[in-house]
Amino acid sequence: MSDPLKELKEFSYEGTTLAVIGDPINHSISPQIHNAALGNLAFNDSQYDFWEYFRFNVPPIHLKEALKIFHDKEFLGLNLTIPHKVEALDYVVDMDPEAKLAGAVNTLKWRDDGYVGYNTDGFGIVNGIKKALDIEVAGSSVVLLGAGGAARGAAFQFLASGCSELWIGNRNQDNLKTLVEDVHGLNSDIPVHSFDIKDPPHLELPKEGVLVNATSLGLKKGDSAPINPSILSKDLRVYDMIYNPKVTPFLSLCRDRGMLSANGLSMLVFQGLRSLEIWTEDKVPEIPMMFAAIDAMDVLS
């Protein structure tokens, strides 16, 4: 049987290493985005000349072993994507307050005794929505689909950003209940409602604001939409965290109804920008990352 971590075990690089890990990971364009920013940083500061960002496929059952290998090889930073954001909580030595609150990590930074966990999803989603849909989360109604790691970070960020109300829908009601109970623990005055995606309360859902898909439905060919857009108000703006494929079945259906919508490319850029700021402790430029993201998606088209 082949070793799923063979590539990582044999990996060698003399400079400063960063990486994204997930399963699957071949769809990720994070290396192009981060390396564009690192190239820009190196243009002005030679200390970044030998920084490089890679990607590795890591099956969930090998996450603990992989993180030890990454640490031994002194990878300065790691980004985590599906399905590692919650599972990695068991393997970090410390977490920043946002990650603790969200109950998920998507960014790790090397420390002598292990990795410290951070969550930049919240920063990414709020700034990504503003950039792509020209709407502020603050003061807006938000409908969030999903209750996994990405959804958790988003839910806490929406409340922290001052949305007017938050609706959370999910298929697994146990996971939904846990997330709703956790966000209620904030003692916020912002109303939080929950619903079953399979039987949504279409008459009660907000007529304006933004709906965010934080489920993985749309990543794989043949996936169905997480919710039927025909029950939604056409005035709701739609943001799908998935960026590859560029147009998921859900986004296609929403656009057929004339709804303003966007994929998660802008979120990827902003969460990546924040990750790089954590690793470099430096100011990171947005524009090179955004152009690299658009170019990478054009290549994949």
Protein backbone atom coordinates (compact mmCIF):
# COMPACT_ATOMS: atom_id res chain seq x y z
CA MET A 1 0.00 0.00 0.00
CA SER A 2 1.36 3.43 -0.93
CA ASP A 3 2.17 5.92 1.83
CA PRO A 4 -0.22 8.93 1.63
CA LEU A 5 2.42 11.10 3.35
CA LYS A 6 5.31 9.99 1.13
CA GLU A 7 5.57 13.37 -0.63
CA LEU A 8 5.72 15.21 2.68
CA LYS A 9 8.25 12.84 4.23
CA GLU A 10 10.57 13.23 1.25
CA PHE A 11 10.09 17.00 0.99
CA SER A 12 13.10 19.27 1.38
CA TYR A 13 13.55 23.02 0.95
CA GLU A 14 16.31 25.28 2.24
CA GLY A 15 14.21 28.40 2.70
CA THR A 16 11.19 29.33 4.82
CA THR A 17 8.28 27.00 4.10
CA LEU A 18 4.54 27.53 4.24
CA ALA A 19 1.77 25.24 2.98
CA VAL A 20 -1.93 24.50 2.69
CA ILE A 21 -3.18 21.04 3.62
CA GLY A 22 -6.52 19.38 3.03
CA ASP A 23 -8.24 16.39 1.47
CA PRO A 24 -8.81 16.96 -1.42
CA ILE A 25 -6.26 19.69 -2.11
CA ASN A 26 -5.58 19.61 -5.87
CA HIS A 27 -8.23 22.30 -6.43
CA SER A 28 -6.42 24.78 -4.18
CA ILE A 29 -4.92 27.89 -5.75
CA SER A 30 -3.53 29.12 -2.42
CA PRO A 31 0.10 28.56 -3.53
CA GLN A 32 -0.31 30.92 -6.50
CA ILE A 33 -1.95 33.57 -4.32
CA HIS A 34 0.52 33.43 -1.44
CA ASN A 35 3.60 33.17 -3.64
CA ALA A 36 2.46 36.28 -5.53
CA ALA A 37 2.36 38.18 -2.25
CA LEU A 38 5.71 36.75 -1.17
CA GLY A 39 7.23 37.83 -4.48
CA ASN A 40 5.94 41.34 -3.90
CA LEU A 41 7.33 41.35 -0.36
CA ALA A 42 10.70 40.07 -1.60
CA PHE A 43 10.88 42.89 -4.15
CA ASN A 44 11.07 45.34 -1.26
CA ASP A 45 12.75 43.18 1.39
CA SER A 46 15.36 40.50 0.66
CA GLN A 47 14.46 38.53 3.79
CA TYR A 48 11.55 37.08 1.78
CA ASP A 49 13.73 35.91 -1.13
CA PHE A 50 13.53 32.27 -0.09
CA TRP A 51 10.02 32.03 1.29
CA GLU A 52 7.81 29.55 -0.58
CA TYR A 53 4.26 28.26 -0.17
CA PHE A 54 3.33 24.66 -1.09
CA ARG A 55 0.33 22.32 -0.87
CA PHE A 56 -0.03 18.77 0.44
CA ASN A 57 -2.86 16.29 0.47
CA VAL A 58 -3.34 14.98 4.01
CA PRO A 59 -6.10 12.44 4.71
CA PRO A 60 -7.91 13.08 8.02
CA ILE A 61 -6.63 9.90 9.70
CA HIS A 62 -3.05 11.07 9.05
CA LEU A 63 -3.47 14.65 10.30
CA LYS A 64 -1.72 14.15 13.65
CA GLU A 65 1.24 12.38 12.03
CA ALA A 66 1.45 14.98 9.27
CA LEU A 67 1.48 17.92 11.69
CA LYS A 68 4.39 16.34 13.57
CA ILE A 69 6.31 15.97 10.30
CA PHE A 70 5.55 19.56 9.30
CA HIS A 71 6.77 20.72 12.71
CA ASP A 72 9.93 18.62 12.53
CA LYS A 73 10.64 20.08 9.09
CA GLU A 74 10.01 23.54 10.59
CA PHE A 75 7.24 24.69 8.29
CA LEU A 76 6.65 28.19 9.66
CA GLY A 77 2.98 28.28 8.71
CA LEU A 78 0.15 26.06 7.57
CA ASN A 79 -3.31 26.79 6.22
CA LEU A 80 -5.97 24.15 6.89
CA THR A 81 -8.92 23.52 4.64
CA ILE A 82 -11.64 20.84 4.50
CA PRO A 83 -11.77 18.63 6.55
CA HIS A 84 -9.11 19.68 9.09
CA LYS A 85 -10.32 22.94 10.64
CA VAL A 86 -12.02 21.41 13.66
CA GLU A 87 -9.99 18.20 13.94
CA ALA A 88 -6.75 20.19 14.26
CA LEU A 89 -7.93 21.66 17.55
CA ASP A 90 -6.72 18.46 19.23
CA TYR A 91 -3.18 18.98 17.97
CA VAL A 92 -2.36 22.66 18.61
CA VAL A 93 -0.50 23.82 21.70
CA ASP A 94 -2.30 27.14 21.93
CA MET A 95 -4.95 29.23 20.14
CA ASP A 96 -5.64 32.91 19.68
CA PRO A 97 -8.95 34.27 21.07
CA GLU A 98 -10.76 34.26 17.69
CA ALA A 99 -9.93 30.61 17.09
CA LYS A 100 -11.07 29.68 20.60
CA LEU A 101 -14.32 31.50 20.08
CA ALA A 102 -14.93 29.94 16.68
CA GLY A 103 -13.93 26.45 17.75
CA ALA A 104 -11.96 25.98 14.54
CA VAL A 105 -8.52 26.82 13.17
CA ASN A 106 -7.47 27.48 9.59
CA THR A 107 -4.00 28.89 10.22
CA LEU A 108 -1.11 27.43 12.21
CA LYS A 109 2.17 29.10 13.17
CA TRP A 110 5.29 27.22 14.23
CA ARG A 111 6.50 27.48 17.80
CA ASP A 112 9.20 25.42 19.52
CA ASP A 113 6.70 23.24 21.35
CA GLY A 114 4.19 22.83 18.50
CA TYR A 115 1.76 24.85 16.40
CA VAL A 116 -0.36 27.79 17.57
CA GLY A 117 -3.83 27.96 15.99
CA TYR A 118 -5.53 30.99 14.48
CA ASN A 119 -8.75 31.54 12.55
CA THR A 120 -8.70 34.02 9.67
CA ASP A 121 -11.97 32.82 8.11
CA GLY A 122 -13.95 35.55 9.85
CA PHE A 123 -11.68 38.30 8.59
CA GLY A 124 -11.79 36.74 5.15
CA ILE A 125 -15.55 36.36 4.86
CA VAL A 126 -16.48 39.86 6.05
CA ASN A 127 -13.93 41.57 3.81
CA GLY A 128 -14.64 39.17 0.95
CA ILE A 129 -18.37 39.90 1.02
CA LYS A 130 -17.76 43.65 1.08
CA LYS A 131 -15.33 43.41 -1.85
CA ALA A 132 -17.44 41.10 -4.04
CA LEU A 133 -21.01 42.13 -3.23
CA ASP A 134 -20.62 45.73 -2.06
CA ILE A 135 -22.49 45.12 1.18
CA GLU A 136 -21.42 45.56 4.79
CA VAL A 137 -22.18 42.71 7.18
CA ALA A 138 -22.65 45.30 9.90
CA GLY A 139 -26.34 46.16 10.06
CA SER A 140 -27.35 43.50 7.52
CA SER A 141 -29.43 40.35 7.88
CA VAL A 142 -27.30 37.24 7.30
CA VAL A 143 -28.41 33.72 6.39
CA LEU A 144 -25.64 31.16 6.92
CA LEU A 145 -25.82 27.65 5.46
CA GLY A 146 -23.68 25.08 7.27
CA ALA A 147 -22.44 24.33 10.78
CA GLY A 148 -18.93 22.98 10.16
CA GLY A 149 -15.56 24.61 10.74
CA ALA A 150 -15.92 27.32 8.09
CA ALA A 151 -19.46 28.13 9.21
CA ARG A 152 -18.42 28.42 12.86
CA GLY A 153 -15.78 31.03 12.13
CA ALA A 154 -18.20 32.95 9.94
CA ALA A 155 -21.05 32.84 12.48
CA PHE A 156 -18.98 34.34 15.27
CA GLN A 157 -17.54 36.96 12.93
CA PHE A 158 -20.97 38.00 11.65
CA LEU A 159 -22.13 38.57 15.22
CA ALA A 160 -18.91 40.34 16.18
CA SER A 161 -19.28 42.56 13.10
CA GLY A 162 -22.77 43.61 14.18
CA CYS A 163 -25.15 41.94 11.74
CA SER A 164 -28.78 42.81 12.47
CA GLU A 165 -29.87 39.14 12.67
CA LEU A 166 -28.34 35.74 11.95
CA TRP A 167 -30.10 32.71 10.52
CA ILE A 168 -28.20 29.40 10.54
CA GLY A 169 -29.38 26.41 8.51
CA ASN A 170 -27.91 22.92 8.38
CA ARG A 171 -28.84 19.32 7.56
CA ASN A 172 -27.29 17.71 10.63
CA GLN A 173 -29.43 19.02 13.48
CA ASP A 174 -27.01 17.97 16.22
CA ASN A 175 -24.21 20.05 14.70
CA LEU A 176 -26.64 22.91 14.17
CA LYS A 177 -27.80 22.81 17.77
CA THR A 178 -24.22 22.84 19.04
CA LEU A 179 -23.29 25.87 16.93
CA VAL A 180 -26.42 27.81 17.88
CA GLU A 181 -25.85 27.10 21.57
CA ASP A 182 -22.26 28.27 21.26
CA VAL A 183 -23.12 31.54 19.54
CA HIS A 184 -25.89 32.17 22.07
CA GLY A 185 -23.13 31.91 24.66
CA LEU A 186 -21.87 35.28 23.47
CA ASN A 187 -24.77 36.92 25.33
CA SER A 188 -25.40 39.01 22.25
CA ASP A 189 -28.54 41.04 21.71
CA ILE A 190 -28.49 40.06 18.04
CA PRO A 191 -31.30 37.57 17.23
CA VAL A 192 -30.04 34.13 16.16
CA HIS A 193 -32.43 31.70 14.44
CA SER A 194 -31.86 28.12 13.31
CA PHE A 195 -33.58 26.01 10.67
CA ASP A 196 -33.37 22.71 8.84
CA ILE A 197 -32.09 23.22 5.28
CA LYS A 198 -34.25 20.30 4.16
CA ASP A 199 -37.36 22.17 5.32
CA PRO A 200 -36.50 25.90 5.35
CA PRO A 201 -38.95 28.50 6.68
CA HIS A 202 -39.01 30.37 3.37
CA LEU A 203 -41.66 32.87 4.44
CA GLU A 204 -39.67 33.89 7.51
CA LEU A 205 -36.20 34.18 5.99
CA PRO A 206 -34.90 37.73 5.44
CA LYS A 207 -35.88 39.42 2.20
CA GLU A 208 -32.69 41.53 2.04
CA GLY A 209 -29.13 41.12 3.22
CA VAL A 210 -26.72 38.34 2.37
CA LEU A 211 -26.93 34.54 2.25
CA VAL A 212 -23.65 32.65 2.69
CA ASN A 213 -23.08 29.03 1.68
CA ALA A 214 -20.51 27.55 4.08
CA THR A 215 -21.33 23.92 3.22
CA SER A 216 -19.12 21.81 0.95
CA LEU A 217 -21.98 21.21 -1.50
CA GLY A 218 -20.70 22.35 -4.86
CA LEU A 219 -17.10 21.20 -4.50
CA LYS A 220 -17.77 17.92 -6.28
CA LYS A 221 -19.24 17.43 -9.71
CA GLY A 222 -22.89 16.41 -9.42
CA ASP A 223 -23.44 18.08 -6.03
CA SER A 224 -26.89 19.50 -5.47
CA ALA A 225 -27.54 23.04 -4.25
CA PRO A 226 -27.63 23.34 -0.43
CA ILE A 227 -30.99 25.12 -0.65
CA ASN A 228 -33.45 25.81 -3.46
CA PRO A 229 -33.00 29.47 -4.48
CA SER A 230 -36.62 29.63 -5.68
CA ILE A 231 -37.73 30.03 -2.06
CA LEU A 232 -35.39 32.99 -1.52
CA SER A 233 -36.03 36.66 -2.12
CA LYS A 234 -34.33 37.91 -5.26
CA ASP A 235 -33.04 40.85 -3.21
CA LEU A 236 -30.85 38.59 -1.06
CA ARG A 237 -27.22 38.77 -2.15
CA VAL A 238 -25.54 35.38 -2.32
CA TYR A 239 -21.98 34.50 -1.37
CA ASP A 240 -20.70 30.95 -1.87
CA MET A 241 -17.48 30.21 0.05
CA ILE A 242 -16.53 27.73 -2.68
CA TYR A 243 -14.32 29.31 -5.34
CA ASN A 244 -13.43 26.26 -7.44
CA PRO A 245 -15.49 25.61 -9.48
CA LYS A 246 -16.07 29.29 -10.14
CA VAL A 247 -19.80 28.72 -10.61
CA THR A 248 -21.34 26.06 -8.40
CA PRO A 249 -24.80 24.63 -9.17
CA PHE A 250 -26.11 26.85 -6.37
CA LEU A 251 -24.61 30.03 -7.85
CA SER A 252 -25.90 29.07 -11.29
CA LEU A 253 -29.44 28.71 -10.00
CA CYS A 254 -29.20 32.01 -8.10
CA ARG A 255 -27.95 33.84 -11.16
CA ASP A 256 -30.74 32.37 -13.25
CA ARG A 257 -33.11 34.14 -10.86
CA GLY A 258 -31.23 37.40 -11.27
CA MET A 259 -29.74 37.38 -7.77
CA LEU A 260 -26.49 39.27 -7.20
CA SER A 261 -23.94 36.61 -6.28
CA ALA A 262 -20.24 35.82 -5.95
CA ASN A 263 -17.99 32.87 -5.27
CA GLY A 264 -15.48 32.64 -2.43
CA LEU A 265 -12.39 33.87 -4.26
CA SER A 266 -12.33 37.21 -2.45
CA MET A 267 -12.66 35.41 0.90
CA LEU A 268 -9.71 33.17 0.01
CA VAL A 269 -7.60 36.22 -0.76
CA PHE A 270 -8.43 38.07 2.45
CA GLN A 271 -8.08 35.06 4.76
CA GLY A 272 -4.77 34.31 3.04
CA LEU A 273 -3.67 37.90 3.45
CA ARG A 274 -4.37 37.73 7.17
CA SER A 275 -2.52 34.40 7.46
CA LEU A 276 0.54 35.90 5.80
CA GLU A 277 0.41 38.84 8.18
CA ILE A 278 0.41 36.41 11.11
CA TRP A 279 3.39 34.47 9.73
CA THR A 280 5.46 37.44 8.53
CA GLU A 281 4.38 39.96 11.19
CA ASP A 282 4.45 42.39 8.30
CA LYS A 283 2.00 44.37 6.15
CA VAL A 284 0.85 42.23 3.20
CA PRO A 285 -0.42 43.73 -0.09
CA GLU A 286 -3.90 42.78 -1.31
CA ILE A 287 -3.61 43.61 -5.01
CA PRO A 288 -0.95 41.03 -6.05
CA MET A 289 -2.93 38.32 -4.27
CA MET A 290 -6.20 39.30 -5.95
CA PHE A 291 -4.66 39.40 -9.43
CA ALA A 292 -2.94 36.05 -8.85
CA ALA A 293 -6.24 34.53 -7.72
CA ILE A 294 -8.07 35.75 -10.82
CA ASP A 295 -5.26 34.55 -13.11
CA ALA A 296 -5.19 31.12 -11.45
CA MET A 297 -8.92 30.68 -11.89
CA ASP A 298 -8.70 31.74 -15.55
CA VAL A 299 -6.08 29.01 -16.11
CA LEU A 300 -8.40 26.44 -14.54
CA SER A 301 -11.37 27.49 -16.68
